[in-house]
Amino acid sequence: MNNLKATITALITPFHEGKIDYDSLERLLDHQLKNGIEGFVINGTTAESPTLEKSEREEIFRFARQFTQGRVPLIMGTGSNSTEKTVQATREAEKLGADAVLVVVPYYNKPPQRGLFAHFKKTAESTSLPVLLYNVPGRTITSLAVETVQELSRIKNIVGIKEASGKIDLARDIQNACGREFILLSGDDGTYAEFLAAGGHGVISVASHILPAAFSSWRRSALEGKFEEAREGIRRYGRLIDLLFCEANPIPVKKALQLMGLVRSAELRLPLTEMESALTAELKKEMTACGLLK
């Protein structure tokens, strides 16, 4: 599973007039691969998964598979707050040919740790695919405890976690509990350098949409023990990364991609709406200062 210890982009879904914009998606995928991105998550939160139809998820996956031709792993987001629906989506991802699945902590219904264990265990037992846990308490409220992650890591095909709390001590504790082979991926772009220094293996990123080469280089630096280079990079782009999360993801990153000409439209599906004008002006100013716009 070393191909999941990587710089991975949590892919947006470009829309134009309510439909998926495949021309923009192709342009985006090409730009990502040419700049060192080593994998993609499809149907994650950044893809606006709650508003995608089953047929659209499958179309996007097939399109990405056809374009990437097996050069990088494609990870399908299959999690929900229903275990049965998660199991069904995971089985469908396996039939489609996904390389792994990303399963988020169930949101809204706030299960206890024993419920989280049972949820992930049943999901893993439903598939032969590698399973990545996804801990993002800022969206789900409930957080996986280190002890629960450790217990889950003993299940053969639960191979790692996307840890998006931004708490470096938690990431370090997970690694100490689960060992170096358990894949530790950052889900918090702003703390990525410290995450790498704490033993992280890579990232599933939003900001890598617009900074693919930088994110790729930071992981390479970390592999060589040059953690200060990654820290300097994060400091350089810190304000820009903050602006990419000044409204709900993926509102700002879609606007950034439109400003760069990588997607035709910053359109989202309701209840998300396009970035408001004052914040757009701030984003454009910072992108210009960082050399991403002329």
Protein backbone atom coordinates (compact mmCIF):
# COMPACT_ATOMS: atom_id res chain seq x y z
CA MET A 1 0.00 0.00 0.00
CA ASN A 2 2.98 2.31 -0.38
CA ASN A 3 1.22 3.98 -3.32
CA LEU A 4 -1.18 5.49 -0.76
CA LYS A 5 1.72 7.10 1.10
CA ALA A 6 1.44 9.94 -1.34
CA THR A 7 0.41 13.47 -2.29
CA ILE A 8 -3.28 13.01 -3.10
CA THR A 9 -5.83 15.60 -4.19
CA ALA A 10 -9.42 15.45 -2.91
CA LEU A 11 -10.87 16.24 -6.31
CA ILE A 12 -13.55 18.87 -6.88
CA THR A 13 -16.45 18.24 -9.26
CA PRO A 14 -16.54 21.01 -11.90
CA PHE A 15 -20.05 22.06 -12.86
CA HIS A 16 -21.40 24.19 -15.69
CA GLU A 17 -25.09 25.00 -15.95
CA GLY A 18 -25.93 22.24 -13.51
CA LYS A 19 -24.03 19.49 -15.31
CA ILE A 20 -20.61 17.99 -14.72
CA ASP A 21 -18.07 19.86 -16.85
CA TYR A 22 -15.85 17.10 -18.21
CA ASP A 23 -13.71 19.46 -20.29
CA SER A 24 -12.72 21.29 -17.10
CA LEU A 25 -12.23 18.00 -15.27
CA GLU A 26 -9.85 16.76 -17.96
CA ARG A 27 -7.88 20.00 -17.87
CA LEU A 28 -7.66 19.82 -14.08
CA LEU A 29 -6.56 16.17 -14.01
CA ASP A 30 -3.89 16.87 -16.61
CA HIS A 31 -2.54 19.84 -14.65
CA GLN A 32 -2.45 17.80 -11.45
CA LEU A 33 -0.58 14.86 -12.95
CA LYS A 34 1.94 17.09 -14.71
CA ASN A 35 2.72 18.75 -11.36
CA GLY A 36 3.39 15.66 -9.30
CA ILE A 37 0.06 14.66 -7.78
CA GLU A 38 0.12 10.94 -7.00
CA GLY A 39 -3.55 10.07 -6.51
CA PHE A 40 -7.11 11.35 -6.32
CA VAL A 41 -10.08 11.00 -4.02
CA ILE A 42 -13.35 10.96 -5.93
CA ASN A 43 -16.69 11.64 -4.24
CA GLY A 44 -15.20 13.18 -1.12
CA THR A 45 -16.55 16.23 0.68
CA THR A 46 -14.58 18.45 -1.71
CA ALA A 47 -16.42 16.82 -4.61
CA GLU A 48 -19.77 17.91 -3.09
CA SER A 49 -20.64 14.28 -2.53
CA PRO A 50 -24.00 15.00 -0.84
CA THR A 51 -25.31 16.49 -4.08
CA LEU A 52 -23.91 13.95 -6.55
CA GLU A 53 -26.21 11.27 -7.94
CA LYS A 54 -25.03 7.66 -8.00
CA SER A 55 -24.84 7.76 -11.80
CA GLU A 56 -22.71 10.92 -11.66
CA ARG A 57 -20.28 9.40 -9.15
CA GLU A 58 -19.82 6.40 -11.44
CA GLU A 59 -19.39 8.60 -14.54
CA ILE A 60 -16.75 10.73 -12.83
CA PHE A 61 -14.87 7.66 -11.64
CA ARG A 62 -14.89 6.05 -15.10
CA PHE A 63 -13.77 9.32 -16.69
CA ALA A 64 -10.88 9.69 -14.24
CA ARG A 65 -9.87 6.05 -14.68
CA GLN A 66 -9.87 6.42 -18.45
CA PHE A 67 -7.78 9.60 -18.24
CA THR A 68 -5.27 8.42 -15.65
CA GLN A 69 -4.86 4.93 -17.17
CA GLY A 70 -3.77 3.41 -13.88
CA ARG A 71 -0.89 5.85 -13.38
CA VAL A 72 -2.12 6.84 -9.91
CA PRO A 73 -4.53 5.31 -7.39
CA LEU A 74 -8.16 6.41 -7.41
CA ILE A 75 -9.78 6.38 -3.98
CA MET A 76 -13.56 6.47 -3.74
CA GLY A 77 -15.30 8.25 -0.90
CA THR A 78 -18.00 5.85 0.30
CA GLY A 79 -18.78 6.94 3.86
CA SER A 80 -22.11 8.10 5.24
CA ASN A 81 -23.91 8.11 8.57
CA SER A 82 -25.65 4.85 7.67
CA THR A 83 -23.56 1.70 7.92
CA GLU A 84 -25.70 -0.17 5.40
CA LYS A 85 -25.42 2.64 2.86
CA THR A 86 -21.67 2.81 3.44
CA VAL A 87 -21.35 -0.93 2.87
CA GLN A 88 -23.41 -0.69 -0.32
CA ALA A 89 -21.38 2.24 -1.66
CA THR A 90 -18.13 0.44 -0.80
CA ARG A 91 -19.21 -2.67 -2.69
CA GLU A 92 -20.15 -0.51 -5.67
CA ALA A 93 -16.73 1.20 -5.55
CA GLU A 94 -15.04 -2.19 -5.67
CA LYS A 95 -17.09 -3.20 -8.71
CA LEU A 96 -16.11 0.06 -10.43
CA GLY A 97 -12.43 -0.73 -9.91
CA ALA A 98 -11.47 1.70 -7.15
CA ASP A 99 -8.02 1.20 -5.67
CA ALA A 100 -9.17 2.01 -2.13
CA VAL A 101 -12.06 3.61 -0.26
CA LEU A 102 -12.13 6.57 2.11
CA VAL A 103 -14.74 6.16 4.85
CA VAL A 104 -15.66 9.18 6.94
CA VAL A 105 -16.69 9.05 10.59
CA PRO A 106 -20.52 8.95 10.61
CA TYR A 107 -21.84 12.48 10.97
CA TYR A 108 -24.83 13.99 12.77
CA ASN A 109 -25.98 10.88 14.67
CA LYS A 110 -22.91 11.00 17.00
CA PRO A 111 -22.21 7.29 17.60
CA PRO A 112 -20.12 6.19 20.60
CA GLN A 113 -16.67 4.70 20.06
CA ARG A 114 -18.06 1.14 20.11
CA GLY A 115 -20.48 2.17 17.36
CA LEU A 116 -17.65 3.66 15.31
CA PHE A 117 -15.66 0.46 15.68
CA ALA A 118 -18.61 -1.66 14.56
CA HIS A 119 -19.31 0.69 11.62
CA PHE A 120 -15.79 0.56 10.23
CA LYS A 121 -15.38 -3.14 10.95
CA LYS A 122 -18.54 -4.04 9.04
CA THR A 123 -17.52 -1.81 6.15
CA ALA A 124 -14.05 -3.36 5.95
CA GLU A 125 -15.48 -6.87 6.07
CA SER A 126 -17.73 -6.07 3.09
CA THR A 127 -14.83 -5.52 0.69
CA SER A 128 -11.37 -6.69 -0.28
CA LEU A 129 -10.31 -3.09 -0.96
CA PRO A 130 -7.94 -1.17 1.30
CA VAL A 131 -9.93 1.06 3.66
CA LEU A 132 -8.78 4.48 4.84
CA LEU A 133 -10.50 5.88 7.90
CA TYR A 134 -11.38 9.59 7.74
CA ASN A 135 -11.42 11.58 10.94
CA VAL A 136 -12.74 15.12 10.47
CA PRO A 137 -14.48 16.25 13.68
CA GLY A 138 -14.93 19.78 12.35
CA ARG A 139 -17.61 18.35 10.04
CA THR A 140 -18.75 15.19 11.84
CA ILE A 141 -18.66 16.38 15.50
CA THR A 142 -17.62 12.91 16.65
CA SER A 143 -13.90 12.07 16.59
CA LEU A 144 -12.19 8.70 16.49
CA ALA A 145 -10.28 7.97 19.69
CA VAL A 146 -6.71 6.70 19.42
CA GLU A 147 -7.73 3.45 21.10
CA THR A 148 -10.46 2.89 18.50
CA VAL A 149 -8.07 3.56 15.63
CA GLN A 150 -5.58 1.14 17.15
CA GLU A 151 -8.23 -1.57 17.42
CA LEU A 152 -9.37 -0.94 13.85
CA SER A 153 -5.79 -1.04 12.56
CA ARG A 154 -5.68 -4.73 13.47
CA ILE A 155 -8.31 -5.43 10.79
CA LYS A 156 -6.30 -6.56 7.78
CA ASN A 157 -7.63 -4.19 5.12
CA ILE A 158 -7.96 -1.08 7.27
CA VAL A 159 -4.63 0.33 6.18
CA GLY A 160 -4.58 3.95 7.31
CA ILE A 161 -6.32 7.17 8.22
CA LYS A 162 -6.89 10.63 6.84
CA GLU A 163 -6.53 12.67 10.02
CA ALA A 164 -8.08 16.11 9.56
CA SER A 165 -8.43 17.44 13.08
CA GLY A 166 -5.27 19.54 12.77
CA LYS A 167 -4.08 18.16 16.10
CA ILE A 168 -0.48 17.07 15.61
CA ASP A 169 -0.34 15.33 18.99
CA LEU A 170 -3.27 13.15 17.91
CA ALA A 171 -1.48 12.17 14.70
CA ARG A 172 1.65 11.33 16.69
CA ASP A 173 -0.37 9.27 19.17
CA ILE A 174 -2.03 7.34 16.34
CA GLN A 175 1.34 6.49 14.83
CA ASN A 176 2.74 5.40 18.18
CA ALA A 177 -0.30 3.19 18.77
CA CYS A 178 -0.57 1.70 15.27
CA GLY A 179 3.02 1.59 14.01
CA ARG A 180 4.82 3.05 11.01
CA GLU A 181 3.14 0.77 8.47
CA PHE A 182 -0.28 2.22 9.28
CA ILE A 183 -0.70 4.97 6.67
CA LEU A 184 -1.03 8.43 8.16
CA LEU A 185 -2.36 11.08 5.76
CA SER A 186 -3.00 14.69 6.65
CA GLY A 187 -6.40 16.17 5.97
CA ASP A 188 -5.51 19.63 7.27
CA ASP A 189 -3.45 21.63 4.78
CA GLY A 190 -2.42 24.38 7.17
CA THR A 191 -0.65 21.99 9.56
CA TYR A 192 0.79 19.70 6.88
CA ALA A 193 4.45 20.51 7.50
CA GLU A 194 4.21 19.70 11.20
CA PHE A 195 2.21 16.59 10.34
CA LEU A 196 5.09 15.37 8.16
CA ALA A 197 7.59 16.16 10.90
CA ALA A 198 5.47 14.09 13.30
CA GLY A 199 5.80 11.04 11.03
CA GLY A 200 3.00 11.55 8.52
CA HIS A 201 3.26 9.78 5.17
CA GLY A 202 1.40 12.18 2.90
CA VAL A 203 -1.74 14.22 2.41
CA ILE A 204 -5.24 14.19 1.00
CA SER A 205 -5.40 17.87 0.16
CA VAL A 206 -7.67 20.64 -1.05
CA ALA A 207 -4.96 23.28 -1.55
CA SER A 208 -3.07 20.88 -3.83
CA HIS A 209 -5.59 21.78 -6.52
CA ILE A 210 -3.79 25.09 -6.95
CA LEU A 211 -0.39 24.23 -5.41
CA PRO A 212 0.24 20.70 -6.72
CA ALA A 213 3.97 21.06 -7.31
CA ALA A 214 4.52 22.67 -3.90
CA PHE A 215 2.64 19.96 -2.00
CA SER A 216 4.51 17.27 -3.91
CA SER A 217 7.86 18.88 -3.13
CA TRP A 218 7.10 19.17 0.60
CA ARG A 219 6.55 15.43 0.88
CA ARG A 220 9.79 14.75 -1.00
CA SER A 221 11.61 17.10 1.36
CA ALA A 222 10.18 15.26 4.36
CA LEU A 223 11.34 11.92 2.98
CA GLU A 224 14.85 13.36 2.95
CA GLY A 225 14.47 14.68 6.49
CA LYS A 226 14.33 18.31 5.29
CA PHE A 227 11.32 19.29 7.35
CA GLU A 228 12.28 22.96 7.51
CA GLU A 229 11.83 23.21 3.74
CA ALA A 230 8.24 22.04 4.13
CA ARG A 231 7.71 24.47 7.01
CA GLU A 232 9.04 27.35 4.91
CA GLY A 233 6.67 26.41 2.09
CA ILE A 234 3.65 26.35 4.35
CA ARG A 235 4.67 29.72 5.81
CA ARG A 236 5.03 31.17 2.32
CA TYR A 237 1.55 30.08 1.29
CA GLY A 238 -0.06 30.22 4.73
CA ARG A 239 -2.35 33.18 4.04
CA LEU A 240 -3.46 31.64 0.74
CA ILE A 241 -4.20 28.29 2.40
CA ASP A 242 -6.22 30.08 5.07
CA LEU A 243 -8.27 31.84 2.39
CA LEU A 244 -9.05 28.50 0.76
CA PHE A 245 -11.00 27.68 3.92
CA CYS A 246 -12.50 31.10 4.70
CA GLU A 247 -15.84 29.72 3.51
CA ALA A 248 -17.04 26.13 3.38
CA ASN A 249 -14.88 23.90 1.21
CA PRO A 250 -14.98 23.73 -1.82
CA ILE A 251 -16.35 27.26 -2.32
CA PRO A 252 -12.96 29.07 -2.28
CA VAL A 253 -10.92 26.45 -4.14
CA LYS A 254 -13.43 26.40 -6.99
CA LYS A 255 -13.12 30.17 -7.30
CA ALA A 256 -9.32 29.89 -7.23
CA LEU A 257 -9.38 27.28 -10.01
CA GLN A 258 -11.66 29.48 -12.08
CA LEU A 259 -9.33 32.47 -11.61
CA MET A 260 -6.43 30.27 -12.81
CA GLY A 261 -8.41 29.22 -15.88
CA LEU A 262 -8.33 25.55 -14.92
CA VAL A 263 -12.10 25.26 -14.68
CA ARG A 264 -14.69 27.18 -16.65
CA SER A 265 -16.96 27.96 -13.72
CA ALA A 266 -16.86 28.21 -9.92
CA GLU A 267 -20.44 26.90 -9.87
CA LEU A 268 -21.58 24.78 -6.93
CA ARG A 269 -24.78 22.95 -6.13
CA LEU A 270 -27.14 24.27 -3.50
CA PRO A 271 -27.01 24.67 -0.57
CA LEU A 272 -23.44 25.82 -1.41
CA THR A 273 -23.12 29.07 -3.34
CA GLU A 274 -20.23 30.86 -5.04
CA MET A 275 -17.71 32.87 -3.03
CA GLU A 276 -18.87 36.31 -2.03
CA SER A 277 -17.25 39.26 -3.79
CA ALA A 278 -15.18 40.78 -0.96
CA LEU A 279 -13.55 37.43 -0.15
CA THR A 280 -13.02 36.77 -3.85
CA ALA A 281 -11.08 40.04 -4.08
CA GLU A 282 -8.90 38.98 -1.12
CA LEU A 283 -8.29 35.58 -2.67
CA LYS A 284 -7.35 37.09 -6.03
CA LYS A 285 -4.95 39.53 -4.36
CA GLU A 286 -3.18 36.78 -2.44
CA MET A 287 -2.99 34.48 -5.47
CA THR A 288 -1.36 37.32 -7.38
CA ALA A 289 1.11 37.93 -4.56
CA CYS A 290 2.00 34.22 -4.62
CA GLY A 291 2.66 34.30 -8.36
CA LEU A 292 -0.35 32.18 -9.33
CA LEU A 293 -2.04 35.03 -11.21
CA LYS A 294 -0.62 37.88 -13.26
